[in-house]
């Protein structure tokens, strides 16, 4: 838990204390609630898990399905309007800005949401849709709509939604 709060403190120069981050930032609260809901979901207590997720959404404005798998030290900056679907997977040390959607394109009971690698940054309002993979260290610009895989280190610039080769 402390490394999670340190990630926020290192990321946000406006954060004055760990207590402030834990109690007043919507991202950490949503992730805290999600960890509880996810544990309940994994033992098939679906209704209670969804109930906790609903309380979290109501208090934070961030909707995370209890089935989603979230990595360590995920930072959801500002967060309001974020939606993370049931089969989404997010790696370690990622940053999601407000309005990000990790959504599906189907209603079938299959893997239908994105898998996001480690150290990925997804800009405000971006929509990442379908069972695609976003590679480690990728960057997705604000308001991009991404429906194709992004290679590791790839950069998507909005609104064109094209991949640009990263220069080394």
N, C-alpha and C. Protein backbone atom coordinates (compact mmCIF):
# COMPACT_ATOMS: atom_id res chain seq x y z
N UNK A 1 0.83 -1.20 0.00
CA UNK A 1 0.00 0.00 0.00
C UNK A 1 0.87 1.26 0.00
N UNK A 2 1.98 1.24 0.73
CA UNK A 2 2.81 2.45 0.80
C UNK A 2 3.47 2.75 -0.54
N UNK A 3 3.87 1.71 -1.30
CA UNK A 3 4.47 1.98 -2.61
C UNK A 3 3.44 2.56 -3.57
N UNK A 4 2.18 2.20 -3.39
CA UNK A 4 1.10 2.76 -4.19
C UNK A 4 0.94 4.26 -3.88
N UNK A 5 0.93 4.61 -2.61
CA UNK A 5 0.81 6.02 -2.23
C UNK A 5 2.06 6.81 -2.64
N UNK A 6 3.21 6.18 -2.57
CA UNK A 6 4.45 6.85 -3.01
C UNK A 6 4.40 7.15 -4.51
N UNK A 7 3.81 6.24 -5.28
CA UNK A 7 3.69 6.47 -6.73
C UNK A 7 2.88 7.74 -6.99
N UNK A 8 1.80 7.92 -6.26
CA UNK A 8 1.00 9.15 -6.42
C UNK A 8 1.80 10.37 -5.99
N UNK A 9 2.48 10.28 -4.86
CA UNK A 9 3.24 11.42 -4.35
C UNK A 9 4.37 11.80 -5.31
N UNK A 10 5.04 10.81 -5.87
CA UNK A 10 6.10 11.08 -6.84
C UNK A 10 5.55 11.67 -8.12
N UNK A 11 4.36 11.25 -8.50
CA UNK A 11 3.75 11.71 -9.74
C UNK A 11 3.19 13.12 -9.61
N UNK A 12 2.55 13.43 -8.49
CA UNK A 12 1.80 14.68 -8.34
C UNK A 12 2.48 15.63 -7.37
N UNK A 13 3.12 16.69 -7.86
CA UNK A 13 3.79 17.64 -6.97
C UNK A 13 2.82 18.42 -6.07
N UNK A 14 1.53 18.40 -6.40
CA UNK A 14 0.54 19.09 -5.55
C UNK A 14 0.19 18.27 -4.31
N UNK A 15 0.51 16.99 -4.31
CA UNK A 15 0.19 16.13 -3.17
C UNK A 15 1.09 16.49 -1.98
N UNK A 16 0.47 16.82 -0.88
CA UNK A 16 1.22 17.26 0.30
C UNK A 16 1.52 16.13 1.29
N UNK A 17 0.65 15.10 1.34
CA UNK A 17 0.88 14.01 2.30
C UNK A 17 0.21 12.74 1.80
N UNK A 18 0.64 11.62 2.36
CA UNK A 18 0.02 10.35 2.02
C UNK A 18 -1.42 10.29 2.50
N UNK A 19 -1.69 10.89 3.65
CA UNK A 19 -3.06 10.92 4.16
C UNK A 19 -3.98 11.68 3.21
N UNK A 20 -3.50 12.82 2.71
CA UNK A 20 -4.27 13.60 1.75
C UNK A 20 -4.57 12.76 0.50
N UNK A 21 -3.57 12.06 0.01
CA UNK A 21 -3.74 11.24 -1.18
C UNK A 21 -4.78 10.15 -0.93
N UNK A 22 -4.64 9.44 0.17
CA UNK A 22 -5.52 8.32 0.47
C UNK A 22 -6.97 8.76 0.68
N UNK A 23 -7.16 9.85 1.40
CA UNK A 23 -8.51 10.27 1.76
C UNK A 23 -9.19 11.19 0.74
N UNK A 24 -8.42 11.97 0.01
CA UNK A 24 -9.02 13.03 -0.80
C UNK A 24 -8.86 12.86 -2.31
N UNK A 25 -8.02 11.97 -2.75
CA UNK A 25 -7.84 11.77 -4.19
C UNK A 25 -8.79 10.64 -4.65
N UNK A 26 -9.57 10.88 -5.71
CA UNK A 26 -10.52 9.85 -6.13
C UNK A 26 -9.86 8.59 -6.68
N UNK A 27 -8.72 8.72 -7.36
CA UNK A 27 -8.05 7.55 -7.93
C UNK A 27 -7.69 6.50 -6.90
N UNK A 28 -6.95 6.87 -5.86
CA UNK A 28 -6.61 5.87 -4.84
C UNK A 28 -7.83 5.26 -4.14
N UNK A 29 -8.85 6.09 -3.90
CA UNK A 29 -10.07 5.56 -3.27
C UNK A 29 -10.74 4.54 -4.18
N UNK A 30 -10.82 4.85 -5.47
CA UNK A 30 -11.44 3.92 -6.41
C UNK A 30 -10.66 2.61 -6.48
N UNK A 31 -9.34 2.70 -6.48
CA UNK A 31 -8.52 1.49 -6.55
C UNK A 31 -8.63 0.70 -5.25
N UNK A 32 -8.69 1.38 -4.11
CA UNK A 32 -8.87 0.71 -2.82
C UNK A 32 -10.18 -0.08 -2.82
N UNK A 33 -11.27 0.59 -3.21
CA UNK A 33 -12.56 -0.10 -3.30
C UNK A 33 -12.49 -1.25 -4.31
N UNK A 34 -11.80 -1.02 -5.42
CA UNK A 34 -11.71 -2.06 -6.44
C UNK A 34 -11.01 -3.31 -5.91
N UNK A 35 -9.95 -3.12 -5.13
CA UNK A 35 -9.23 -4.29 -4.60
C UNK A 35 -10.17 -5.16 -3.77
N UNK A 36 -11.04 -4.53 -2.98
CA UNK A 36 -12.01 -5.28 -2.17
C UNK A 36 -13.03 -5.95 -3.09
N UNK A 37 -13.60 -5.18 -4.03
CA UNK A 37 -14.61 -5.73 -4.93
C UNK A 37 -14.03 -6.86 -5.77
N UNK A 38 -12.80 -6.71 -6.23
CA UNK A 38 -12.16 -7.73 -7.06
C UNK A 38 -11.97 -9.04 -6.28
N UNK A 39 -11.55 -8.93 -5.03
CA UNK A 39 -11.40 -10.12 -4.20
C UNK A 39 -12.74 -10.84 -4.03
N UNK A 40 -13.79 -10.10 -3.80
CA UNK A 40 -15.13 -10.69 -3.67
C UNK A 40 -15.60 -11.30 -4.99
N UNK A 41 -15.30 -10.63 -6.08
CA UNK A 41 -15.66 -11.12 -7.41
C UNK A 41 -14.97 -12.46 -7.68
N UNK A 42 -13.71 -12.56 -7.28
CA UNK A 42 -12.95 -13.79 -7.52
C UNK A 42 -13.46 -14.98 -6.73
N UNK A 43 -14.18 -14.72 -5.63
CA UNK A 43 -14.78 -15.84 -4.88
C UNK A 43 -16.28 -15.95 -5.19
N UNK A 44 -16.67 -15.36 -6.32
CA UNK A 44 -18.01 -15.47 -6.88
C UNK A 44 -19.11 -14.80 -6.05
N UNK A 45 -18.74 -13.81 -5.26
CA UNK A 45 -19.73 -13.01 -4.55
C UNK A 45 -20.02 -11.78 -5.42
N UNK A 46 -20.59 -12.06 -6.59
CA UNK A 46 -20.75 -11.05 -7.63
C UNK A 46 -21.62 -9.86 -7.20
N UNK A 47 -22.74 -10.14 -6.54
CA UNK A 47 -23.62 -9.03 -6.15
C UNK A 47 -22.93 -8.09 -5.18
N UNK A 48 -22.29 -8.63 -4.16
CA UNK A 48 -21.60 -7.77 -3.18
C UNK A 48 -20.46 -7.01 -3.86
N UNK A 49 -19.75 -7.69 -4.75
CA UNK A 49 -18.66 -7.04 -5.48
C UNK A 49 -19.19 -5.87 -6.31
N UNK A 50 -20.29 -6.07 -7.02
CA UNK A 50 -20.88 -5.00 -7.83
C UNK A 50 -21.42 -3.88 -6.94
N UNK A 51 -21.95 -4.24 -5.78
CA UNK A 51 -22.46 -3.23 -4.84
C UNK A 51 -21.33 -2.32 -4.37
N UNK A 52 -20.20 -2.90 -4.02
CA UNK A 52 -19.04 -2.11 -3.60
C UNK A 52 -18.53 -1.26 -4.76
N UNK A 53 -18.49 -1.83 -5.96
CA UNK A 53 -18.07 -1.07 -7.13
C UNK A 53 -19.01 0.11 -7.38
N UNK A 54 -20.30 -0.08 -7.14
CA UNK A 54 -21.27 1.00 -7.33
C UNK A 54 -21.06 2.10 -6.30
N UNK A 55 -20.78 1.75 -5.07
CA UNK A 55 -20.48 2.75 -4.03
C UNK A 55 -19.24 3.54 -4.45
N UNK A 56 -18.23 2.83 -4.94
CA UNK A 56 -17.00 3.49 -5.39
C UNK A 56 -17.29 4.46 -6.53
N UNK A 57 -18.04 4.01 -7.53
CA UNK A 57 -18.38 4.86 -8.68
C UNK A 57 -19.14 6.10 -8.23
N UNK A 58 -20.07 5.90 -7.31
CA UNK A 58 -20.87 7.03 -6.83
C UNK A 58 -20.03 8.06 -6.08
N UNK A 59 -19.03 7.59 -5.37
CA UNK A 59 -18.22 8.52 -4.56
C UNK A 59 -17.01 9.08 -5.28
N UNK A 60 -16.57 8.43 -6.37
CA UNK A 60 -15.35 8.88 -7.05
C UNK A 60 -15.57 9.33 -8.49
N UNK A 61 -16.64 8.87 -9.12
CA UNK A 61 -16.85 9.16 -10.53
C UNK A 61 -16.03 8.27 -11.44
N UNK A 62 -15.40 7.25 -10.86
CA UNK A 62 -14.56 6.31 -11.61
C UNK A 62 -15.25 4.95 -11.57
N UNK A 63 -15.51 4.36 -12.74
CA UNK A 63 -16.19 3.08 -12.78
C UNK A 63 -15.21 1.98 -13.17
N UNK A 64 -14.98 1.08 -12.23
CA UNK A 64 -14.09 -0.06 -12.48
C UNK A 64 -14.88 -1.32 -12.20
N UNK A 65 -15.06 -2.14 -13.21
CA UNK A 65 -15.78 -3.40 -13.01
C UNK A 65 -14.96 -4.28 -12.06
N UNK A 66 -15.62 -4.97 -11.14
CA UNK A 66 -14.87 -5.81 -10.18
C UNK A 66 -14.06 -6.93 -10.83
N UNK A 67 -14.38 -7.29 -12.06
CA UNK A 67 -13.62 -8.33 -12.74
C UNK A 67 -12.32 -7.85 -13.36
N UNK A 68 -12.16 -6.54 -13.51
CA UNK A 68 -10.95 -5.98 -14.13
C UNK A 68 -9.72 -6.31 -13.27
N UNK A 69 -8.60 -6.51 -13.95
CA UNK A 69 -7.35 -6.81 -13.26
C UNK A 69 -6.44 -5.59 -13.35
N UNK A 70 -6.10 -5.03 -12.19
CA UNK A 70 -5.28 -3.82 -12.14
C UNK A 70 -3.92 -4.13 -11.55
N UNK A 71 -2.87 -3.61 -12.17
CA UNK A 71 -1.52 -3.81 -11.69
C UNK A 71 -1.18 -2.91 -10.51
N UNK A 72 0.05 -3.01 -10.11
CA UNK A 72 0.54 -2.23 -8.96
C UNK A 72 0.84 -0.79 -9.37
N UNK A 73 0.65 0.11 -8.43
CA UNK A 73 1.00 1.53 -8.57
C UNK A 73 0.31 2.22 -9.75
N UNK A 74 -0.93 1.80 -10.04
CA UNK A 74 -1.72 2.47 -11.06
C UNK A 74 -2.12 3.85 -10.55
N UNK A 75 -1.86 4.88 -11.35
CA UNK A 75 -2.27 6.24 -11.02
C UNK A 75 -3.42 6.63 -11.95
N UNK A 76 -4.55 6.96 -11.34
CA UNK A 76 -5.69 7.48 -12.10
C UNK A 76 -5.78 8.95 -11.72
N UNK A 77 -5.28 9.81 -12.61
CA UNK A 77 -5.17 11.24 -12.32
C UNK A 77 -6.51 11.93 -12.56
N UNK A 78 -7.01 12.59 -11.57
CA UNK A 78 -8.32 13.26 -11.55
C UNK A 78 -9.43 12.22 -11.66
N UNK A 79 -9.43 11.42 -12.69
CA UNK A 79 -10.22 10.20 -12.73
C UNK A 79 -11.66 10.29 -13.16
N UNK A 80 -12.36 11.37 -12.90
CA UNK A 80 -13.79 11.39 -13.17
C UNK A 80 -14.05 11.00 -14.62
N UNK A 81 -14.98 10.10 -14.79
CA UNK A 81 -15.35 9.65 -16.12
C UNK A 81 -14.58 8.46 -16.63
N UNK A 82 -13.60 7.96 -15.86
CA UNK A 82 -12.88 6.76 -16.28
C UNK A 82 -13.80 5.56 -16.18
N UNK A 83 -13.69 4.67 -17.18
CA UNK A 83 -14.44 3.42 -17.19
C UNK A 83 -13.47 2.32 -17.56
N UNK A 84 -13.42 1.29 -16.71
CA UNK A 84 -12.55 0.14 -16.95
C UNK A 84 -13.44 -1.10 -16.93
N UNK A 85 -13.53 -1.78 -18.08
CA UNK A 85 -14.44 -2.89 -18.25
C UNK A 85 -14.00 -4.19 -17.58
N UNK A 86 -14.93 -5.14 -17.56
CA UNK A 86 -14.78 -6.39 -16.82
C UNK A 86 -13.54 -7.20 -17.19
N UNK A 87 -13.22 -7.32 -18.46
CA UNK A 87 -12.09 -8.17 -18.86
C UNK A 87 -10.83 -7.36 -19.15
N UNK A 88 -10.84 -6.07 -18.78
CA UNK A 88 -9.65 -5.24 -18.97
C UNK A 88 -8.56 -5.68 -18.01
N UNK A 89 -7.32 -5.53 -18.47
CA UNK A 89 -6.15 -5.80 -17.63
C UNK A 89 -5.21 -4.60 -17.79
N UNK A 90 -4.73 -4.09 -16.66
CA UNK A 90 -3.83 -2.94 -16.68
C UNK A 90 -2.56 -3.35 -15.94
N UNK A 91 -1.42 -3.10 -16.55
CA UNK A 91 -0.13 -3.48 -15.97
C UNK A 91 0.31 -2.57 -14.83
N UNK A 92 1.54 -2.73 -14.43
CA UNK A 92 2.12 -1.96 -13.33
C UNK A 92 2.58 -0.58 -13.80
N UNK A 93 2.53 0.39 -12.88
CA UNK A 93 3.10 1.73 -13.08
C UNK A 93 2.49 2.48 -14.25
N UNK A 94 1.19 2.31 -14.47
CA UNK A 94 0.49 3.00 -15.55
C UNK A 94 -0.16 4.28 -15.03
N UNK A 95 -0.44 5.20 -15.95
CA UNK A 95 -1.13 6.44 -15.62
C UNK A 95 -2.31 6.58 -16.57
N UNK A 96 -3.50 6.73 -15.99
CA UNK A 96 -4.71 6.99 -16.75
C UNK A 96 -5.24 8.36 -16.34
N UNK A 97 -5.56 9.20 -17.29
CA UNK A 97 -6.13 10.50 -16.99
C UNK A 97 -7.66 10.42 -17.03
N UNK A 98 -8.31 11.51 -16.66
CA UNK A 98 -9.76 11.52 -16.58
C UNK A 98 -10.39 11.25 -17.94
N UNK A 99 -11.54 10.59 -17.87
CA UNK A 99 -12.29 10.31 -19.09
C UNK A 99 -11.78 9.15 -19.92
N UNK A 100 -10.80 8.42 -19.45
CA UNK A 100 -10.28 7.27 -20.20
C UNK A 100 -11.29 6.12 -20.13
N UNK A 101 -11.49 5.46 -21.26
CA UNK A 101 -12.34 4.27 -21.30
C UNK A 101 -11.51 3.11 -21.80
N UNK A 102 -11.51 2.02 -21.05
CA UNK A 102 -10.97 0.74 -21.50
C UNK A 102 -12.19 -0.13 -21.72
N UNK A 103 -12.73 -0.06 -22.92
CA UNK A 103 -14.05 -0.62 -23.18
C UNK A 103 -14.05 -1.76 -24.16
N UNK A 104 -15.23 -2.35 -24.29
CA UNK A 104 -15.42 -3.48 -25.18
C UNK A 104 -16.19 -3.10 -26.42
N UNK A 105 -16.18 -4.00 -27.38
CA UNK A 105 -16.93 -3.82 -28.62
C UNK A 105 -17.98 -4.91 -28.81
N UNK A 106 -18.01 -5.89 -27.92
CA UNK A 106 -18.95 -7.01 -28.02
C UNK A 106 -19.68 -7.16 -26.70
N UNK A 107 -20.75 -7.92 -26.75
CA UNK A 107 -21.49 -8.24 -25.53
C UNK A 107 -21.37 -9.72 -25.19
N UNK A 108 -20.58 -10.45 -25.95
CA UNK A 108 -20.39 -11.88 -25.70
C UNK A 108 -19.54 -12.08 -24.45
N UNK A 109 -19.74 -13.21 -23.75
CA UNK A 109 -18.96 -13.47 -22.53
C UNK A 109 -17.55 -14.00 -22.86
N UNK A 110 -16.74 -13.14 -23.50
CA UNK A 110 -15.37 -13.48 -23.88
C UNK A 110 -14.47 -12.32 -23.47
N UNK A 111 -13.18 -12.46 -23.67
CA UNK A 111 -12.25 -11.36 -23.46
C UNK A 111 -12.61 -10.27 -24.46
N UNK A 112 -13.09 -9.12 -23.98
CA UNK A 112 -13.58 -8.09 -24.89
C UNK A 112 -13.04 -6.70 -24.59
N UNK A 113 -12.15 -6.60 -23.60
CA UNK A 113 -11.58 -5.31 -23.21
C UNK A 113 -10.06 -5.35 -23.40
N UNK A 114 -9.42 -4.19 -23.42
CA UNK A 114 -7.97 -4.13 -23.68
C UNK A 114 -7.11 -4.74 -22.57
N UNK A 115 -5.92 -5.13 -22.99
CA UNK A 115 -4.85 -5.51 -22.07
C UNK A 115 -3.77 -4.45 -22.22
N UNK A 116 -3.50 -3.74 -21.16
CA UNK A 116 -2.56 -2.61 -21.16
C UNK A 116 -1.27 -3.07 -20.47
N UNK A 117 -0.15 -2.86 -21.13
CA UNK A 117 1.14 -3.27 -20.57
C UNK A 117 1.58 -2.42 -19.41
N UNK A 118 2.85 -2.53 -19.06
CA UNK A 118 3.44 -1.79 -17.94
C UNK A 118 3.93 -0.41 -18.40
N UNK A 119 3.86 0.55 -17.50
CA UNK A 119 4.37 1.91 -17.72
C UNK A 119 3.71 2.63 -18.90
N UNK A 120 2.44 2.36 -19.10
CA UNK A 120 1.68 2.98 -20.20
C UNK A 120 0.99 4.24 -19.68
N UNK A 121 1.00 5.27 -20.50
CA UNK A 121 0.29 6.51 -20.19
C UNK A 121 -0.84 6.66 -21.20
N UNK A 122 -2.07 6.88 -20.68
CA UNK A 122 -3.22 7.07 -21.54
C UNK A 122 -3.83 8.43 -21.22
N UNK A 123 -3.84 9.32 -22.20
CA UNK A 123 -4.26 10.70 -22.02
C UNK A 123 -5.76 10.88 -21.82
N UNK A 124 -6.12 12.05 -21.34
CA UNK A 124 -7.50 12.38 -21.00
C UNK A 124 -8.44 12.14 -22.17
N UNK A 125 -9.54 11.47 -21.88
CA UNK A 125 -10.58 11.25 -22.87
C UNK A 125 -10.30 10.17 -23.89
N UNK A 126 -9.16 9.51 -23.80
CA UNK A 126 -8.84 8.46 -24.77
C UNK A 126 -9.76 7.26 -24.59
N UNK A 127 -10.09 6.63 -25.69
CA UNK A 127 -10.93 5.44 -25.70
C UNK A 127 -10.13 4.31 -26.31
N UNK A 128 -9.87 3.28 -25.52
CA UNK A 128 -9.15 2.10 -25.98
C UNK A 128 -10.17 0.98 -25.98
N UNK A 129 -10.50 0.46 -27.17
CA UNK A 129 -11.66 -0.41 -27.31
C UNK A 129 -11.31 -1.76 -27.91
N UNK A 130 -11.89 -2.78 -27.33
CA UNK A 130 -11.75 -4.13 -27.86
C UNK A 130 -10.65 -4.92 -27.18
N UNK A 131 -10.53 -6.18 -27.53
CA UNK A 131 -9.55 -7.08 -26.89
C UNK A 131 -8.16 -6.92 -27.48
N UNK A 132 -7.67 -5.69 -27.50
CA UNK A 132 -6.37 -5.40 -28.10
C UNK A 132 -5.31 -5.30 -27.01
N UNK A 133 -4.05 -5.33 -27.43
CA UNK A 133 -2.94 -5.19 -26.50
C UNK A 133 -2.25 -3.85 -26.72
N UNK A 134 -1.97 -3.19 -25.62
CA UNK A 134 -1.20 -1.96 -25.63
C UNK A 134 0.15 -2.32 -25.01
N UNK A 135 1.21 -2.22 -25.77
CA UNK A 135 2.53 -2.67 -25.32
C UNK A 135 3.12 -1.82 -24.21
N UNK A 136 4.08 -2.40 -23.51
CA UNK A 136 4.81 -1.69 -22.45
C UNK A 136 5.34 -0.36 -22.96
N UNK A 137 5.31 0.64 -22.10
CA UNK A 137 5.89 1.97 -22.35
C UNK A 137 5.20 2.74 -23.49
N UNK A 138 4.01 2.32 -23.89
CA UNK A 138 3.27 3.03 -24.93
C UNK A 138 2.70 4.33 -24.37
N UNK A 139 2.42 5.27 -25.25
CA UNK A 139 1.81 6.56 -24.91
C UNK A 139 0.64 6.78 -25.84
N UNK A 140 -0.53 7.05 -25.25
CA UNK A 140 -1.72 7.31 -26.04
C UNK A 140 -2.19 8.72 -25.71
N UNK A 141 -2.31 9.56 -26.72
CA UNK A 141 -2.66 10.95 -26.53
C UNK A 141 -4.11 11.17 -26.16
N UNK A 142 -4.39 12.36 -25.66
CA UNK A 142 -5.73 12.73 -25.25
C UNK A 142 -6.70 12.60 -26.42
N UNK A 143 -7.86 12.08 -26.11
CA UNK A 143 -8.98 11.94 -27.05
C UNK A 143 -8.74 10.99 -28.21
N UNK A 144 -7.67 10.21 -28.17
CA UNK A 144 -7.45 9.20 -29.21
C UNK A 144 -8.50 8.11 -29.08
N UNK A 145 -8.85 7.52 -30.19
CA UNK A 145 -9.70 6.34 -30.21
C UNK A 145 -8.84 5.22 -30.79
N UNK A 146 -8.54 4.23 -29.97
CA UNK A 146 -7.59 3.18 -30.34
C UNK A 146 -8.34 1.86 -30.42
N UNK A 147 -8.29 1.24 -31.60
CA UNK A 147 -8.97 -0.04 -31.80
C UNK A 147 -8.03 -1.07 -32.42
N UNK A 148 -6.74 -0.72 -32.50
CA UNK A 148 -5.72 -1.64 -33.00
C UNK A 148 -4.60 -1.71 -31.99
N UNK A 149 -3.89 -2.82 -31.99
CA UNK A 149 -2.79 -3.00 -31.04
C UNK A 149 -1.74 -1.91 -31.20
N UNK A 150 -1.11 -1.59 -30.08
CA UNK A 150 -0.02 -0.61 -30.06
C UNK A 150 1.23 -1.34 -29.59
N UNK A 151 2.29 -1.25 -30.38
CA UNK A 151 3.52 -1.97 -30.05
C UNK A 151 4.20 -1.34 -28.84
N UNK A 152 5.07 -2.10 -28.17
CA UNK A 152 5.79 -1.53 -27.03
C UNK A 152 6.52 -0.26 -27.43
N UNK A 153 6.38 0.76 -26.62
CA UNK A 153 7.02 2.05 -26.88
C UNK A 153 6.32 2.87 -27.94
N UNK A 154 5.22 2.36 -28.48
CA UNK A 154 4.49 3.07 -29.52
C UNK A 154 3.81 4.32 -28.99
N UNK A 155 3.56 5.25 -29.88
CA UNK A 155 2.92 6.50 -29.51
C UNK A 155 1.71 6.71 -30.42
N UNK A 156 0.56 6.95 -29.84
CA UNK A 156 -0.65 7.26 -30.60
C UNK A 156 -0.95 8.73 -30.36
N UNK A 157 -1.08 9.48 -31.44
CA UNK A 157 -1.36 10.90 -31.34
C UNK A 157 -2.81 11.13 -31.71
N UNK A 158 -3.54 11.81 -30.88
CA UNK A 158 -4.95 12.10 -31.16
C UNK A 158 -5.05 13.32 -32.05
N UNK A 159 -6.04 13.47 -32.84
CA UNK A 159 -7.15 12.54 -33.05
C UNK A 159 -6.92 11.56 -34.19
N UNK A 160 -5.75 11.55 -34.79
CA UNK A 160 -5.53 10.69 -35.95
C UNK A 160 -5.57 9.20 -35.64
N UNK A 161 -5.22 8.82 -34.40
CA UNK A 161 -5.19 7.42 -33.99
C UNK A 161 -4.30 6.58 -34.89
N UNK A 162 -3.11 7.07 -35.17
CA UNK A 162 -2.12 6.32 -35.93
C UNK A 162 -0.92 6.09 -35.03
N UNK A 163 -0.20 5.03 -35.31
CA UNK A 163 0.98 4.75 -34.51
C UNK A 163 2.19 5.40 -35.15
N UNK A 164 3.01 6.05 -34.31
CA UNK A 164 4.22 6.71 -34.76
C UNK A 164 5.40 5.94 -34.20
N UNK A 165 6.37 5.66 -35.02
CA UNK A 165 7.56 4.94 -34.57
C UNK A 165 8.33 5.82 -33.60
N UNK A 166 8.68 5.26 -32.45
CA UNK A 166 9.45 5.99 -31.45
C UNK A 166 10.91 6.05 -31.86
N UNK A 167 11.50 7.23 -31.85
CA UNK A 167 12.92 7.42 -32.19
C UNK A 167 13.76 7.12 -30.97
N UNK A 168 14.85 6.42 -31.17
CA UNK A 168 15.74 6.09 -30.05
C UNK A 168 16.97 6.94 -30.08
